């Protein structure tokens, strides 16, 4: 039997594929757009860090920013982050309790809009600040032997960001740090983590 959390994960991947197509279209038709893709490292914090403490090395982000003038952009972003950890102990199940090693796992799929303000001039190294907001679809689950429990909920989120853009020939480098805060949603707790990103941008910036 296919776990419902995996069916939802496949739907999320389909949505992400559609976003990638839209991203390509934006880069063709908008001379003042800046598509980008980054690799993401996630560091859990708060109550989330108590539930899963290990750093995630599995994540990425894609998006596009539209410059309304030299110093301001608006745009969208999406991506994928997976957190996981093995925990030993006793876990309550419907028929009683089981002692052993369980696997805790979190998968996050955001759909965000954003705005950013940039210092400096086009074609130069440019520090910036910004704010992302939107919905984080977060799957939280625990596996223990043949037992599995988990669900997926939508969480409203706010994500401030600081970063820097560095020109490299016809493209550019993007470095940024974000603090993700996804408020409580459904039966799930609030989730928060630090995201460190490095990747490539394409003109203009």
C-alpha atoms as a PDB file:
ATOM      1  CA  UNK A   1       0.000   0.000   0.000  1.00  0.00           C
ATOM      2  CA  UNK A   2       1.385   3.382  -1.017  1.00  0.00           C
ATOM      3  CA  UNK A   3       1.684   5.764   1.884  1.00  0.00           C
ATOM      4  CA  UNK A   4      -0.467   8.926   1.456  1.00  0.00           C
ATOM      5  CA  UNK A   5       2.523  11.112   2.263  1.00  0.00           C
ATOM      6  CA  UNK A   6       4.328   9.802  -0.826  1.00  0.00           C
ATOM      7  CA  UNK A   7       1.302  10.446  -3.071  1.00  0.00           C
ATOM      8  CA  UNK A   8       1.277  14.037  -1.878  1.00  0.00           C
ATOM      9  CA  UNK A   9       5.025  14.244  -2.442  1.00  0.00           C
ATOM     10  CA  UNK A  10       4.566  13.211  -6.093  1.00  0.00           C
ATOM     11  CA  UNK A  11       1.925  15.919  -6.552  1.00  0.00           C
ATOM     12  CA  UNK A  12       4.337  18.478  -5.111  1.00  0.00           C
ATOM     13  CA  UNK A  13       7.067  17.384  -7.522  1.00  0.00           C
ATOM     14  CA  UNK A  14       4.611  17.799 -10.422  1.00  0.00           C
ATOM     15  CA  UNK A  15       3.820  21.338  -9.291  1.00  0.00           C
ATOM     16  CA  UNK A  16       7.537  22.079  -9.035  1.00  0.00           C
ATOM     17  CA  UNK A  17       8.067  20.859 -12.601  1.00  0.00           C
ATOM     18  CA  UNK A  18       5.355  23.269 -13.794  1.00  0.00           C
ATOM     19  CA  UNK A  19       7.088  26.099 -11.915  1.00  0.00           C
ATOM     20  CA  UNK A  20      10.354  25.303 -13.675  1.00  0.00           C
ATOM     21  CA  UNK A  21       8.595  25.631 -17.055  1.00  0.00           C
ATOM     22  CA  UNK A  22       7.119  28.974 -15.990  1.00  0.00           C
ATOM     23  CA  UNK A  23      10.549  30.073 -14.813  1.00  0.00           C
ATOM     24  CA  UNK A  24      11.970  29.384 -18.262  1.00  0.00           C
ATOM     25  CA  UNK A  25       9.153  31.360 -19.877  1.00  0.00           C
ATOM     26  CA  UNK A  26       9.754  34.350 -17.600  1.00  0.00           C
ATOM     27  CA  UNK A  27      13.460  34.399 -18.452  1.00  0.00           C
ATOM     28  CA  UNK A  28      12.651  34.532 -22.195  1.00  0.00           C
ATOM     29  CA  UNK A  29      10.023  37.270 -22.144  1.00  0.00           C
ATOM     30  CA  UNK A  30      11.341  39.561 -19.419  1.00  0.00           C
ATOM     31  CA  UNK A  31      14.513  41.532 -20.145  1.00  0.00           C
ATOM     32  CA  UNK A  32      14.607  42.731 -16.536  1.00  0.00           C
ATOM     33  CA  UNK A  33      14.145  39.315 -14.957  1.00  0.00           C
ATOM     34  CA  UNK A  34      16.702  37.314 -12.990  1.00  0.00           C
ATOM     35  CA  UNK A  35      16.016  33.551 -12.859  1.00  0.00           C
ATOM     36  CA  UNK A  36      18.133  31.626 -10.363  1.00  0.00           C
ATOM     37  CA  UNK A  37      18.728  28.225  -8.829  1.00  0.00           C
ATOM     38  CA  UNK A  38      20.494  27.514  -5.528  1.00  0.00           C
ATOM     39  CA  UNK A  39      21.611  24.587  -3.411  1.00  0.00           C
ATOM     40  CA  UNK A  40      20.262  24.771   0.155  1.00  0.00           C
ATOM     41  CA  UNK A  41      21.570  23.616   3.534  1.00  0.00           C
ATOM     42  CA  UNK A  42      18.962  23.654   6.330  1.00  0.00           C
ATOM     43  CA  UNK A  43      19.671  23.959  10.070  1.00  0.00           C
ATOM     44  CA  UNK A  44      16.630  23.224  12.305  1.00  0.00           C
ATOM     45  CA  UNK A  45      15.810  25.576  15.185  1.00  0.00           C
ATOM     46  CA  UNK A  46      13.205  26.006  17.924  1.00  0.00           C
ATOM     47  CA  UNK A  47      10.723  23.190  18.586  1.00  0.00           C
ATOM     48  CA  UNK A  48      11.525  21.753  15.176  1.00  0.00           C
ATOM     49  CA  UNK A  49      15.177  21.488  16.223  1.00  0.00           C
ATOM     50  CA  UNK A  50      14.088  19.525  19.292  1.00  0.00           C
ATOM     51  CA  UNK A  51      12.236  17.027  17.079  1.00  0.00           C
ATOM     52  CA  UNK A  52      14.900  16.767  14.335  1.00  0.00           C
ATOM     53  CA  UNK A  53      18.291  18.199  15.238  1.00  0.00           C
ATOM     54  CA  UNK A  54      20.442  17.086  12.285  1.00  0.00           C
ATOM     55  CA  UNK A  55      21.448  19.533   9.559  1.00  0.00           C
ATOM     56  CA  UNK A  56      19.840  18.855   6.190  1.00  0.00           C
ATOM     57  CA  UNK A  57      22.122  18.623   3.154  1.00  0.00           C
ATOM     58  CA  UNK A  58      19.221  17.905   0.791  1.00  0.00           C
ATOM     59  CA  UNK A  59      17.588  21.015  -0.572  1.00  0.00           C
ATOM     60  CA  UNK A  60      17.357  23.424  -3.462  1.00  0.00           C
ATOM     61  CA  UNK A  61      15.463  26.548  -4.511  1.00  0.00           C
ATOM     62  CA  UNK A  62      14.383  27.964  -7.858  1.00  0.00           C
ATOM     63  CA  UNK A  63      12.817  31.309  -8.584  1.00  0.00           C
ATOM     64  CA  UNK A  64      12.770  34.454 -10.632  1.00  0.00           C
ATOM     65  CA  UNK A  65      12.953  38.142  -9.705  1.00  0.00           C
ATOM     66  CA  UNK A  66      11.637  41.022 -11.797  1.00  0.00           C
ATOM     67  CA  UNK A  67      13.411  44.378 -11.424  1.00  0.00           C
ATOM     68  CA  UNK A  68      11.041  47.350 -11.393  1.00  0.00           C
ATOM     69  CA  UNK A  69      14.077  49.636 -11.100  1.00  0.00           C
ATOM     70  CA  UNK A  70      17.796  49.329 -10.356  1.00  0.00           C
ATOM     71  CA  UNK A  71      17.301  48.779  -6.620  1.00  0.00           C
ATOM     72  CA  UNK A  72      14.015  46.903  -6.212  1.00  0.00           C
ATOM     73  CA  UNK A  73      12.686  43.529  -7.380  1.00  0.00           C
ATOM     74  CA  UNK A  74       9.657  41.348  -6.800  1.00  0.00           C
ATOM     75  CA  UNK A  75       9.236  37.706  -7.725  1.00  0.00           C
ATOM     76  CA  UNK A  76       8.468  34.156  -6.706  1.00  0.00           C
ATOM     77  CA  UNK A  77      10.356  31.183  -5.293  1.00  0.00           C
ATOM     78  CA  UNK A  78       9.837  27.488  -4.691  1.00  0.00           C
ATOM     79  CA  UNK A  79      12.014  24.527  -3.802  1.00  0.00           C
ATOM     80  CA  UNK A  80      12.426  21.393  -1.729  1.00  0.00           C
ATOM     81  CA  UNK A  81      13.976  20.590   1.652  1.00  0.00           C
ATOM     82  CA  UNK A  82      14.192  17.237   3.409  1.00  0.00           C
ATOM     83  CA  UNK A  83      15.170  16.761   7.070  1.00  0.00           C
ATOM     84  CA  UNK A  84      15.609  13.406   8.786  1.00  0.00           C
ATOM     85  CA  UNK A  85      16.965  11.746  11.898  1.00  0.00           C
ATOM     86  CA  UNK A  86      17.108   8.292  13.524  1.00  0.00           C
ATOM     87  CA  UNK A  87      15.948   8.203  17.142  1.00  0.00           C
ATOM     88  CA  UNK A  88      16.118   5.290  19.600  1.00  0.00           C
ATOM     89  CA  UNK A  89      13.485   4.829  22.300  1.00  0.00           C
ATOM     90  CA  UNK A  90       9.885   3.839  22.921  1.00  0.00           C
ATOM     91  CA  UNK A  91       7.127   5.006  20.573  1.00  0.00           C
ATOM     92  CA  UNK A  92       3.390   4.789  21.267  1.00  0.00           C
ATOM     93  CA  UNK A  93       1.315   3.010  18.590  1.00  0.00           C
ATOM     94  CA  UNK A  94      -2.379   2.074  18.357  1.00  0.00           C
ATOM     95  CA  UNK A  95      -1.841  -1.402  19.813  1.00  0.00           C
ATOM     96  CA  UNK A  96       0.577  -0.358  22.562  1.00  0.00           C
ATOM     97  CA  UNK A  97       4.211   0.695  22.436  1.00  0.00           C
ATOM     98  CA  UNK A  98       7.301  -0.361  20.502  1.00  0.00           C
ATOM     99  CA  UNK A  99      10.897   0.078  21.556  1.00  0.00           C
ATOM    100  CA  UNK A 100      13.449   0.481  18.792  1.00  0.00           C
ATOM    101  CA  UNK A 101      14.899   2.901  16.282  1.00  0.00           C
ATOM    102  CA  UNK A 102      12.442   5.213  14.551  1.00  0.00           C
ATOM    103  CA  UNK A 103      13.042   7.508  11.602  1.00  0.00           C
ATOM    104  CA  UNK A 104      11.686  11.031  11.775  1.00  0.00           C
ATOM    105  CA  UNK A 105      11.342  12.862   8.482  1.00  0.00           C
ATOM    106  CA  UNK A 106      10.214  16.297   7.321  1.00  0.00           C
ATOM    107  CA  UNK A 107       9.693  17.386   3.717  1.00  0.00           C
ATOM    108  CA  UNK A 108       9.013  21.038   2.895  1.00  0.00           C
ATOM    109  CA  UNK A 109       7.672  22.410  -0.386  1.00  0.00           C
ATOM    110  CA  UNK A 110       7.116  26.208  -0.416  1.00  0.00           C
ATOM    111  CA  UNK A 111       5.225  28.465  -2.819  1.00  0.00           C
ATOM    112  CA  UNK A 112       6.399  32.012  -2.089  1.00  0.00           C
ATOM    113  CA  UNK A 113       6.306  35.582  -3.355  1.00  0.00           C
ATOM    114  CA  UNK A 114       9.020  38.015  -2.390  1.00  0.00           C
ATOM    115  CA  UNK A 115      10.445  41.529  -2.570  1.00  0.00           C
ATOM    116  CA  UNK A 116      14.099  42.587  -2.350  1.00  0.00           C
ATOM    117  CA  UNK A 117      16.069  45.820  -2.064  1.00  0.00           C
ATOM    118  CA  UNK A 118      19.610  46.033  -3.498  1.00  0.00           C
ATOM    119  CA  UNK A 119      22.577  48.263  -2.757  1.00  0.00           C
ATOM    120  CA  UNK A 120      25.212  49.181  -5.318  1.00  0.00           C
ATOM    121  CA  UNK A 121      24.978  49.387  -9.102  1.00  0.00           C
ATOM    122  CA  UNK A 122      24.135  46.917 -11.856  1.00  0.00           C
ATOM    123  CA  UNK A 123      27.073  44.777 -12.918  1.00  0.00           C
ATOM    124  CA  UNK A 124      28.817  45.125  -9.540  1.00  0.00           C
ATOM    125  CA  UNK A 125      28.795  43.057  -6.344  1.00  0.00           C
ATOM    126  CA  UNK A 126      25.474  43.898  -4.689  1.00  0.00           C
ATOM    127  CA  UNK A 127      24.361  43.119  -1.127  1.00  0.00           C
ATOM    128  CA  UNK A 128      20.593  42.946  -0.620  1.00  0.00           C
ATOM    129  CA  UNK A 129      17.822  42.336   1.891  1.00  0.00           C
ATOM    130  CA  UNK A 130      14.398  40.860   1.273  1.00  0.00           C
ATOM    131  CA  UNK A 131      11.276  39.167   2.585  1.00  0.00           C
ATOM    132  CA  UNK A 132       9.573  36.003   1.337  1.00  0.00           C
ATOM    133  CA  UNK A 133       6.019  35.037   2.258  1.00  0.00           C
ATOM    134  CA  UNK A 134       3.537  32.385   1.216  1.00  0.00           C
ATOM    135  CA  UNK A 135       2.613  28.779   1.945  1.00  0.00           C
ATOM    136  CA  UNK A 136       4.876  25.943   3.067  1.00  0.00           C
ATOM    137  CA  UNK A 137       3.436  22.471   2.416  1.00  0.00           C
ATOM    138  CA  UNK A 138       5.130  20.374   5.094  1.00  0.00           C
ATOM    139  CA  UNK A 139       4.978  16.581   5.463  1.00  0.00           C
ATOM    140  CA  UNK A 140       5.869  15.267   8.921  1.00  0.00           C
ATOM    141  CA  UNK A 141       6.187  11.534   9.483  1.00  0.00           C
ATOM    142  CA  UNK A 142       7.683   8.821  11.689  1.00  0.00           C
ATOM    143  CA  UNK A 143       8.554   5.264  10.631  1.00  0.00           C
ATOM    144  CA  UNK A 144       9.154   2.438  13.105  1.00  0.00           C
ATOM    145  CA  UNK A 145       9.385  -1.054  11.673  1.00  0.00           C
ATOM    146  CA  UNK A 146       6.152  -1.705   9.767  1.00  0.00           C
ATOM    147  CA  UNK A 147       4.429   1.206  11.469  1.00  0.00           C
ATOM    148  CA  UNK A 148       4.176   4.634   9.914  1.00  0.00           C
ATOM    149  CA  UNK A 149       2.316   7.751  10.950  1.00  0.00           C
ATOM    150  CA  UNK A 150       2.356  11.127   9.270  1.00  0.00           C
ATOM    151  CA  UNK A 151       0.427  13.837   7.498  1.00  0.00           C
ATOM    152  CA  UNK A 152       0.848  16.907   5.312  1.00  0.00           C
ATOM    153  CA  UNK A 153      -0.355  20.385   6.221  1.00  0.00           C
ATOM    154  CA  UNK A 154      -0.187  23.867   4.740  1.00  0.00           C
ATOM    155  CA  UNK A 155       1.604  26.466   6.867  1.00  0.00           C
ATOM    156  CA  UNK A 156       1.663  30.217   6.313  1.00  0.00           C
ATOM    157  CA  UNK A 157       5.286  31.344   6.440  1.00  0.00           C
ATOM    158  CA  UNK A 158       7.488  34.421   6.683  1.00  0.00           C
ATOM    159  CA  UNK A 159      11.133  34.239   5.616  1.00  0.00           C
ATOM    160  CA  UNK A 160      13.480  37.240   5.896  1.00  0.00           C
ATOM    161  CA  UNK A 161      16.616  37.076   3.763  1.00  0.00           C
ATOM    162  CA  UNK A 162      20.018  38.730   3.442  1.00  0.00           C
ATOM    163  CA  UNK A 163      22.392  38.015   0.599  1.00  0.00           C
ATOM    164  CA  UNK A 164      24.851  39.167  -2.021  1.00  0.00           C
ATOM    165  CA  UNK A 165      25.001  38.954  -5.817  1.00  0.00           C
ATOM    166  CA  UNK A 166      28.353  38.688  -7.582  1.00  0.00           C
ATOM    167  CA  UNK A 167      28.717  39.048 -11.381  1.00  0.00           C
ATOM    168  CA  UNK A 168      30.639  36.321 -13.198  1.00  0.00           C
ATOM    169  CA  UNK A 169      30.840  36.929 -16.975  1.00  0.00           C
ATOM    170  CA  UNK A 170      27.335  36.368 -18.441  1.00  0.00           C
ATOM    171  CA  UNK A 171      25.835  34.956 -15.265  1.00  0.00           C
ATOM    172  CA  UNK A 172      26.334  35.534 -11.555  1.00  0.00           C
ATOM    173  CA  UNK A 173      26.708  33.972  -8.147  1.00  0.00           C
ATOM    174  CA  UNK A 174      24.100  34.233  -5.398  1.00  0.00           C
ATOM    175  CA  UNK A 175      24.817  33.735  -1.702  1.00  0.00           C
ATOM    176  CA  UNK A 176      22.118  34.226   0.897  1.00  0.00           C
ATOM    177  CA  UNK A 177      20.960  33.280   4.367  1.00  0.00           C
ATOM    178  CA  UNK A 178      17.306  32.966   5.364  1.00  0.00           C
ATOM    179  CA  UNK A 179      15.352  32.358   8.529  1.00  0.00           C
ATOM    180  CA  UNK A 180      12.302  30.262   7.692  1.00  0.00           C
ATOM    181  CA  UNK A 181       9.333  30.420  10.041  1.00  0.00           C
ATOM    182  CA  UNK A 182       6.266  28.376   9.106  1.00  0.00           C
ATOM    183  CA  UNK A 183       3.429  28.952  11.575  1.00  0.00           C
ATOM    184  CA  UNK A 184       1.367  26.100  13.036  1.00  0.00           C
ATOM    185  CA  UNK A 185      -0.862  24.369  10.494  1.00  0.00           C
ATOM    186  CA  UNK A 186      -3.396  21.593  10.998  1.00  0.00           C
ATOM    187  CA  UNK A 187      -2.126  19.158  13.615  1.00  0.00           C
ATOM    188  CA  UNK A 188       1.500  20.088  12.978  1.00  0.00           C
ATOM    189  CA  UNK A 189       3.676  22.322  15.117  1.00  0.00           C
ATOM    190  CA  UNK A 190       5.375  25.464  13.863  1.00  0.00           C
ATOM    191  CA  UNK A 191       8.591  24.821  11.935  1.00  0.00           C
ATOM    192  CA  UNK A 192      11.642  27.052  11.826  1.00  0.00           C
ATOM    193  CA  UNK A 193      15.108  26.654  10.371  1.00  0.00           C
ATOM    194  CA  UNK A 194      18.058  28.580   8.984  1.00  0.00           C
ATOM    195  CA  UNK A 195      18.646  28.123   5.251  1.00  0.00           C
ATOM    196  CA  UNK A 196      22.048  28.771   3.661  1.00  0.00           C
ATOM    197  CA  UNK A 197      21.955  29.033  -0.129  1.00  0.00           C
ATOM    198  CA  UNK A 198      24.540  29.209  -2.886  1.00  0.00           C
ATOM    199  CA  UNK A 199      23.827  29.120  -6.598  1.00  0.00           C
ATOM    200  CA  UNK A 200      23.698  30.790  -9.975  1.00  0.00           C
ATOM    201  CA  UNK A 201      21.710  33.693 -11.369  1.00  0.00           C
ATOM    202  CA  UNK A 202      21.229  34.883 -14.914  1.00  0.00           C
ATOM    203  CA  UNK A 203      21.099  38.538 -16.127  1.00  0.00           C
ATOM    204  CA  UNK A 204      19.941  41.104 -15.153  1.00  0.00           C
ATOM    205  CA  UNK A 205      21.030  42.338 -11.729  1.00  0.00           C
END
